[in-house]
């Protein structure tokens, strides 16, 4: 693990740090100014790795939002189902066919 570098204290240290970071020599103020303007114009979103992570973040957020919506919808439906009143239905059941035929045969035997 790399040690954390302390910020440069003087102008000379700052210029050496910028030369080391940029990989070029900065001899004049115009060189330093041109380098600083170049860095200011560069955007992090232009780098492929940043674009890839931005896309991953967007897809993850969309997926989580969709999951949250489905979960909310399911909870809403379950709550509505639980709020329904209980209905009891009485269904008349006819006598089984064997019992009826046995009764009919008894009545025929008596009559």
N, C-alpha and C. Protein backbone atom coordinates (compact mmCIF):
# COMPACT_ATOMS: atom_id res chain seq x y z
N UNK A 1 0.85 -1.16 0.00
CA UNK A 1 0.00 0.00 0.00
C UNK A 1 0.90 1.23 0.00
N UNK A 2 0.60 2.17 -0.88
CA UNK A 2 1.41 3.37 -1.02
C UNK A 2 1.15 4.32 0.13
N UNK A 3 2.22 5.00 0.54
CA UNK A 3 2.07 5.99 1.60
C UNK A 3 1.42 7.23 1.04
N UNK A 4 0.64 7.88 1.87
CA UNK A 4 -0.03 9.10 1.45
C UNK A 4 0.99 10.23 1.43
N UNK A 5 1.07 10.91 0.27
CA UNK A 5 2.03 12.00 0.14
C UNK A 5 1.45 13.27 0.75
N UNK A 6 2.31 14.00 1.42
CA UNK A 6 1.90 15.27 1.98
C UNK A 6 1.91 16.32 0.88
N UNK A 7 1.05 17.32 0.97
CA UNK A 7 1.03 18.35 -0.07
C UNK A 7 2.33 19.14 -0.06
N UNK A 8 2.78 19.60 -1.24
CA UNK A 8 4.03 20.37 -1.32
C UNK A 8 3.90 21.68 -0.54
N UNK A 9 5.01 22.07 0.11
CA UNK A 9 4.99 23.27 0.95
C UNK A 9 5.43 24.52 0.18
N UNK A 10 6.34 24.40 -0.75
CA UNK A 10 6.84 25.58 -1.45
C UNK A 10 6.52 25.50 -2.94
N UNK A 11 6.79 26.60 -3.66
CA UNK A 11 6.53 26.62 -5.10
C UNK A 11 7.38 25.61 -5.83
N UNK A 12 8.62 25.48 -5.41
CA UNK A 12 9.52 24.54 -6.08
C UNK A 12 9.04 23.10 -5.91
N UNK A 13 8.58 22.79 -4.70
CA UNK A 13 8.06 21.44 -4.47
C UNK A 13 6.79 21.20 -5.29
N UNK A 14 5.96 22.22 -5.40
CA UNK A 14 4.74 22.10 -6.19
C UNK A 14 5.06 21.86 -7.66
N UNK A 15 6.04 22.61 -8.18
CA UNK A 15 6.43 22.43 -9.58
C UNK A 15 7.01 21.04 -9.78
N UNK A 16 7.85 20.56 -8.86
CA UNK A 16 8.40 19.21 -8.97
C UNK A 16 7.27 18.16 -8.92
N UNK A 17 6.31 18.39 -8.04
CA UNK A 17 5.18 17.46 -7.95
C UNK A 17 4.38 17.45 -9.25
N UNK A 18 4.11 18.62 -9.82
CA UNK A 18 3.37 18.69 -11.09
C UNK A 18 4.17 18.04 -12.22
N UNK A 19 5.49 18.25 -12.24
CA UNK A 19 6.32 17.59 -13.26
C UNK A 19 6.26 16.08 -13.11
N UNK A 20 6.31 15.62 -11.87
CA UNK A 20 6.27 14.18 -11.63
C UNK A 20 4.90 13.61 -12.03
N UNK A 21 3.83 14.32 -11.68
CA UNK A 21 2.49 13.84 -11.99
C UNK A 21 2.18 13.89 -13.48
N UNK A 22 2.66 14.93 -14.16
CA UNK A 22 2.34 15.09 -15.58
C UNK A 22 3.30 14.34 -16.49
N UNK A 23 4.51 14.12 -16.04
CA UNK A 23 5.49 13.44 -16.87
C UNK A 23 6.16 14.37 -17.88
N UNK A 24 6.05 15.65 -17.67
CA UNK A 24 6.72 16.60 -18.57
C UNK A 24 7.39 17.68 -17.72
N UNK A 25 8.30 18.38 -18.35
CA UNK A 25 9.01 19.43 -17.60
C UNK A 25 8.26 20.75 -17.72
N UNK A 26 8.15 21.44 -16.60
CA UNK A 26 7.47 22.72 -16.53
C UNK A 26 8.52 23.77 -16.17
N UNK A 27 8.99 24.50 -17.18
CA UNK A 27 10.09 25.45 -16.96
C UNK A 27 9.59 26.88 -16.72
N UNK A 28 8.54 27.25 -17.41
CA UNK A 28 8.09 28.64 -17.30
C UNK A 28 6.68 28.69 -16.73
N UNK A 29 6.25 29.91 -16.42
CA UNK A 29 4.89 30.09 -15.93
C UNK A 29 3.87 29.71 -17.00
N UNK A 30 4.21 29.97 -18.25
CA UNK A 30 3.29 29.62 -19.33
C UNK A 30 3.11 28.10 -19.42
N UNK A 31 4.20 27.35 -19.18
CA UNK A 31 4.09 25.88 -19.17
C UNK A 31 3.15 25.41 -18.07
N UNK A 32 3.31 25.99 -16.89
CA UNK A 32 2.46 25.63 -15.76
C UNK A 32 1.01 26.02 -16.05
N UNK A 33 0.81 27.24 -16.59
CA UNK A 33 -0.52 27.71 -16.90
C UNK A 33 -1.19 26.82 -17.96
N UNK A 34 -0.43 26.44 -18.98
CA UNK A 34 -0.97 25.57 -20.03
C UNK A 34 -1.35 24.21 -19.46
N UNK A 35 -0.52 23.68 -18.56
CA UNK A 35 -0.83 22.38 -17.94
C UNK A 35 -2.09 22.48 -17.08
N UNK A 36 -2.21 23.53 -16.29
CA UNK A 36 -3.38 23.70 -15.43
C UNK A 36 -4.64 23.88 -16.27
N UNK A 37 -4.57 24.64 -17.36
CA UNK A 37 -5.74 24.81 -18.23
C UNK A 37 -6.12 23.49 -18.91
N UNK A 38 -5.11 22.71 -19.28
CA UNK A 38 -5.37 21.41 -19.90
C UNK A 38 -6.08 20.47 -18.91
N UNK A 39 -5.63 20.50 -17.66
CA UNK A 39 -6.26 19.66 -16.64
C UNK A 39 -7.68 20.15 -16.33
N UNK A 40 -7.89 21.45 -16.35
CA UNK A 40 -9.22 21.99 -16.09
C UNK A 40 -10.19 21.64 -17.22
N UNK A 41 -9.69 21.59 -18.45
CA UNK A 41 -10.55 21.27 -19.59
C UNK A 41 -10.90 19.79 -19.65
N UNK A 42 -10.06 18.94 -19.09
CA UNK A 42 -10.30 17.50 -19.12
C UNK A 42 -11.39 17.16 -18.12
N UNK A 43 -12.34 16.36 -18.56
CA UNK A 43 -13.45 15.97 -17.70
C UNK A 43 -13.30 14.49 -17.36
N UNK A 44 -13.69 14.16 -16.16
CA UNK A 44 -13.59 12.77 -15.73
C UNK A 44 -14.54 11.88 -16.54
N UNK A 45 -15.66 12.41 -16.98
CA UNK A 45 -16.64 11.62 -17.73
C UNK A 45 -16.11 11.20 -19.10
N UNK A 46 -15.02 11.80 -19.57
CA UNK A 46 -14.46 11.43 -20.87
C UNK A 46 -13.68 10.13 -20.81
N UNK A 47 -13.32 9.67 -19.63
CA UNK A 47 -12.52 8.46 -19.52
C UNK A 47 -13.42 7.23 -19.61
N UNK A 48 -12.96 6.18 -20.30
CA UNK A 48 -13.81 4.98 -20.49
C UNK A 48 -14.20 4.30 -19.18
N UNK A 49 -13.29 4.23 -18.24
CA UNK A 49 -13.60 3.58 -16.96
C UNK A 49 -14.69 4.33 -16.22
N UNK A 50 -14.65 5.64 -16.28
CA UNK A 50 -15.67 6.45 -15.60
C UNK A 50 -17.02 6.26 -16.28
N UNK A 51 -17.03 6.23 -17.60
CA UNK A 51 -18.29 6.01 -18.32
C UNK A 51 -18.88 4.64 -17.98
N UNK A 52 -18.01 3.61 -17.88
CA UNK A 52 -18.47 2.27 -17.56
C UNK A 52 -19.09 2.24 -16.17
N UNK A 53 -18.42 2.83 -15.19
CA UNK A 53 -18.96 2.85 -13.82
C UNK A 53 -20.24 3.68 -13.75
N UNK A 54 -20.32 4.73 -14.53
CA UNK A 54 -21.54 5.54 -14.56
C UNK A 54 -22.71 4.71 -15.09
N UNK A 55 -22.45 3.92 -16.13
CA UNK A 55 -23.49 3.06 -16.70
C UNK A 55 -23.89 1.99 -15.69
N UNK A 56 -22.93 1.39 -15.00
CA UNK A 56 -23.24 0.38 -13.99
C UNK A 56 -24.08 0.99 -12.87
N UNK A 57 -23.72 2.19 -12.46
CA UNK A 57 -24.47 2.86 -11.40
C UNK A 57 -25.90 3.14 -11.84
N UNK A 58 -26.08 3.61 -13.06
CA UNK A 58 -27.41 3.91 -13.57
C UNK A 58 -28.27 2.65 -13.66
N UNK A 59 -27.71 1.57 -14.19
CA UNK A 59 -28.45 0.31 -14.32
C UNK A 59 -28.82 -0.22 -12.94
N UNK A 60 -27.89 -0.14 -11.99
CA UNK A 60 -28.17 -0.61 -10.64
C UNK A 60 -29.29 0.20 -10.00
N UNK A 61 -29.27 1.50 -10.15
CA UNK A 61 -30.31 2.34 -9.58
C UNK A 61 -31.68 2.07 -10.21
N UNK A 62 -31.71 1.85 -11.52
CA UNK A 62 -32.97 1.53 -12.20
C UNK A 62 -33.50 0.18 -11.72
N UNK A 63 -32.61 -0.81 -11.59
CA UNK A 63 -33.03 -2.13 -11.13
C UNK A 63 -33.56 -2.07 -9.70
N UNK A 64 -32.88 -1.33 -8.84
CA UNK A 64 -33.34 -1.21 -7.46
C UNK A 64 -34.67 -0.46 -7.37
N UNK A 65 -34.84 0.55 -8.20
CA UNK A 65 -36.12 1.28 -8.21
C UNK A 65 -37.24 0.37 -8.69
N UNK A 66 -36.99 -0.43 -9.71
CA UNK A 66 -38.01 -1.37 -10.20
C UNK A 66 -38.35 -2.40 -9.13
N UNK A 67 -37.34 -2.92 -8.45
CA UNK A 67 -37.58 -3.88 -7.37
C UNK A 67 -38.38 -3.26 -6.25
N UNK A 68 -38.06 -2.02 -5.89
CA UNK A 68 -38.81 -1.33 -4.83
C UNK A 68 -40.26 -1.13 -5.24
N UNK A 69 -40.51 -0.81 -6.49
CA UNK A 69 -41.88 -0.64 -6.97
C UNK A 69 -42.64 -1.95 -6.90
N UNK A 70 -42.04 -3.04 -7.35
CA UNK A 70 -42.70 -4.35 -7.31
C UNK A 70 -42.98 -4.75 -5.87
N UNK A 71 -42.02 -4.50 -4.99
CA UNK A 71 -42.22 -4.84 -3.59
C UNK A 71 -43.36 -4.01 -2.99
N UNK A 72 -43.41 -2.73 -3.29
CA UNK A 72 -44.49 -1.88 -2.81
C UNK A 72 -45.84 -2.35 -3.34
N UNK A 73 -45.89 -2.69 -4.61
CA UNK A 73 -47.13 -3.17 -5.22
C UNK A 73 -47.59 -4.46 -4.56
N UNK A 74 -46.67 -5.39 -4.33
CA UNK A 74 -47.03 -6.66 -3.70
C UNK A 74 -47.54 -6.43 -2.28
N UNK A 75 -46.90 -5.56 -1.54
CA UNK A 75 -47.37 -5.27 -0.18
C UNK A 75 -48.75 -4.62 -0.21
N UNK A 76 -48.99 -3.75 -1.18
CA UNK A 76 -50.29 -3.11 -1.30
C UNK A 76 -51.38 -4.14 -1.59
N UNK A 77 -51.11 -5.05 -2.50
CA UNK A 77 -52.09 -6.09 -2.83
C UNK A 77 -52.33 -6.98 -1.61
N UNK A 78 -51.28 -7.37 -0.92
CA UNK A 78 -51.45 -8.22 0.26
C UNK A 78 -52.26 -7.50 1.35
N UNK A 79 -52.02 -6.22 1.52
CA UNK A 79 -52.77 -5.46 2.51
C UNK A 79 -54.24 -5.38 2.13
N UNK A 80 -54.53 -5.18 0.86
CA UNK A 80 -55.92 -5.14 0.42
C UNK A 80 -56.60 -6.49 0.60
N UNK A 81 -55.88 -7.56 0.34
CA UNK A 81 -56.45 -8.90 0.52
C UNK A 81 -56.74 -9.15 2.00
N UNK A 82 -55.84 -8.74 2.87
CA UNK A 82 -56.05 -8.94 4.31
C UNK A 82 -57.20 -8.07 4.82
N UNK A 83 -57.49 -6.97 4.17
CA UNK A 83 -58.55 -6.08 4.62
C UNK A 83 -59.93 -6.56 4.19
N UNK A 84 -59.99 -7.53 3.30
CA UNK A 84 -61.29 -8.05 2.87
C UNK A 84 -61.98 -8.76 4.02
N UNK A 85 -63.31 -8.61 4.08
CA UNK A 85 -64.07 -9.30 5.12
C UNK A 85 -64.21 -10.76 4.75
N UNK A 86 -64.35 -11.58 5.78
CA UNK A 86 -64.50 -13.01 5.54
C UNK A 86 -65.94 -13.30 5.16
N UNK A 87 -66.13 -14.09 4.12
CA UNK A 87 -67.46 -14.50 3.68
C UNK A 87 -67.60 -16.00 3.90
N UNK A 88 -68.71 -16.37 4.52
CA UNK A 88 -68.98 -17.78 4.73
C UNK A 88 -70.16 -18.17 3.84
N UNK A 89 -69.97 -19.16 3.03
CA UNK A 89 -71.00 -19.63 2.11
C UNK A 89 -71.46 -21.01 2.56
N UNK A 90 -72.79 -21.19 2.63
CA UNK A 90 -73.35 -22.49 2.91
C UNK A 90 -73.84 -23.07 1.59
N UNK A 91 -73.31 -24.20 1.24
CA UNK A 91 -73.68 -24.85 -0.02
C UNK A 91 -74.48 -26.10 0.32
N UNK A 92 -75.73 -26.19 -0.16
CA UNK A 92 -76.51 -27.40 0.12
C UNK A 92 -75.91 -28.59 -0.61
N UNK A 93 -75.82 -29.67 0.11
CA UNK A 93 -75.22 -30.88 -0.46
C UNK A 93 -76.32 -31.91 -0.60
N UNK A 94 -76.49 -32.47 -1.76
CA UNK A 94 -77.50 -33.52 -1.96
C UNK A 94 -76.95 -34.83 -1.41
N UNK A 95 -77.86 -35.75 -1.12
CA UNK A 95 -77.44 -37.04 -0.58
C UNK A 95 -76.65 -37.78 -1.64
N UNK A 96 -75.69 -38.57 -1.23
CA UNK A 96 -74.92 -39.33 -2.22
C UNK A 96 -75.82 -40.27 -3.02
N UNK A 97 -75.42 -40.58 -4.21
CA UNK A 97 -76.24 -41.39 -5.12
C UNK A 97 -76.52 -42.77 -4.55
N UNK A 98 -75.58 -43.39 -3.85
CA UNK A 98 -75.79 -44.72 -3.29
C UNK A 98 -76.85 -44.69 -2.19
N UNK A 99 -76.85 -43.72 -1.36
CA UNK A 99 -77.82 -43.64 -0.27
C UNK A 99 -79.21 -43.43 -0.85
N UNK A 100 -79.32 -42.58 -1.82
CA UNK A 100 -80.61 -42.33 -2.43
C UNK A 100 -81.14 -43.60 -3.10
N UNK A 101 -80.29 -44.30 -3.78
CA UNK A 101 -80.76 -45.52 -4.44
C UNK A 101 -81.11 -46.58 -3.41
N UNK A 102 -80.42 -46.60 -2.29
CA UNK A 102 -80.75 -47.55 -1.23
C UNK A 102 -82.11 -47.19 -0.63
N UNK A 103 -82.38 -45.91 -0.48
CA UNK A 103 -83.66 -45.49 0.05
C UNK A 103 -84.77 -45.82 -0.93
N UNK A 104 -84.51 -45.62 -2.17
CA UNK A 104 -85.51 -45.93 -3.18
C UNK A 104 -85.79 -47.43 -3.22
N UNK A 105 -84.78 -48.24 -3.09
CA UNK A 105 -85.00 -49.68 -3.13
C UNK A 105 -85.77 -50.15 -1.88
N UNK A 106 -85.54 -49.48 -0.72
CA UNK A 106 -86.31 -49.83 0.48
C UNK A 106 -87.76 -49.46 0.33
N UNK A 107 -88.01 -48.30 -0.26
CA UNK A 107 -89.40 -47.87 -0.45
C UNK A 107 -90.11 -48.76 -1.45
N UNK A 108 -89.41 -49.25 -2.42
CA UNK A 108 -90.01 -50.16 -3.40
C UNK A 108 -90.31 -51.51 -2.77
N UNK A 109 -89.42 -51.91 -1.84
CA UNK A 109 -89.61 -53.20 -1.18
C UNK A 109 -90.82 -53.14 -0.26
N UNK A 110 -91.08 -52.02 0.36
CA UNK A 110 -92.21 -51.88 1.27
C UNK A 110 -93.52 -51.71 0.51
N UNK A 111 -93.47 -51.12 -0.61
CA UNK A 111 -94.68 -50.77 -1.31
C UNK A 111 -95.09 -51.71 -2.36
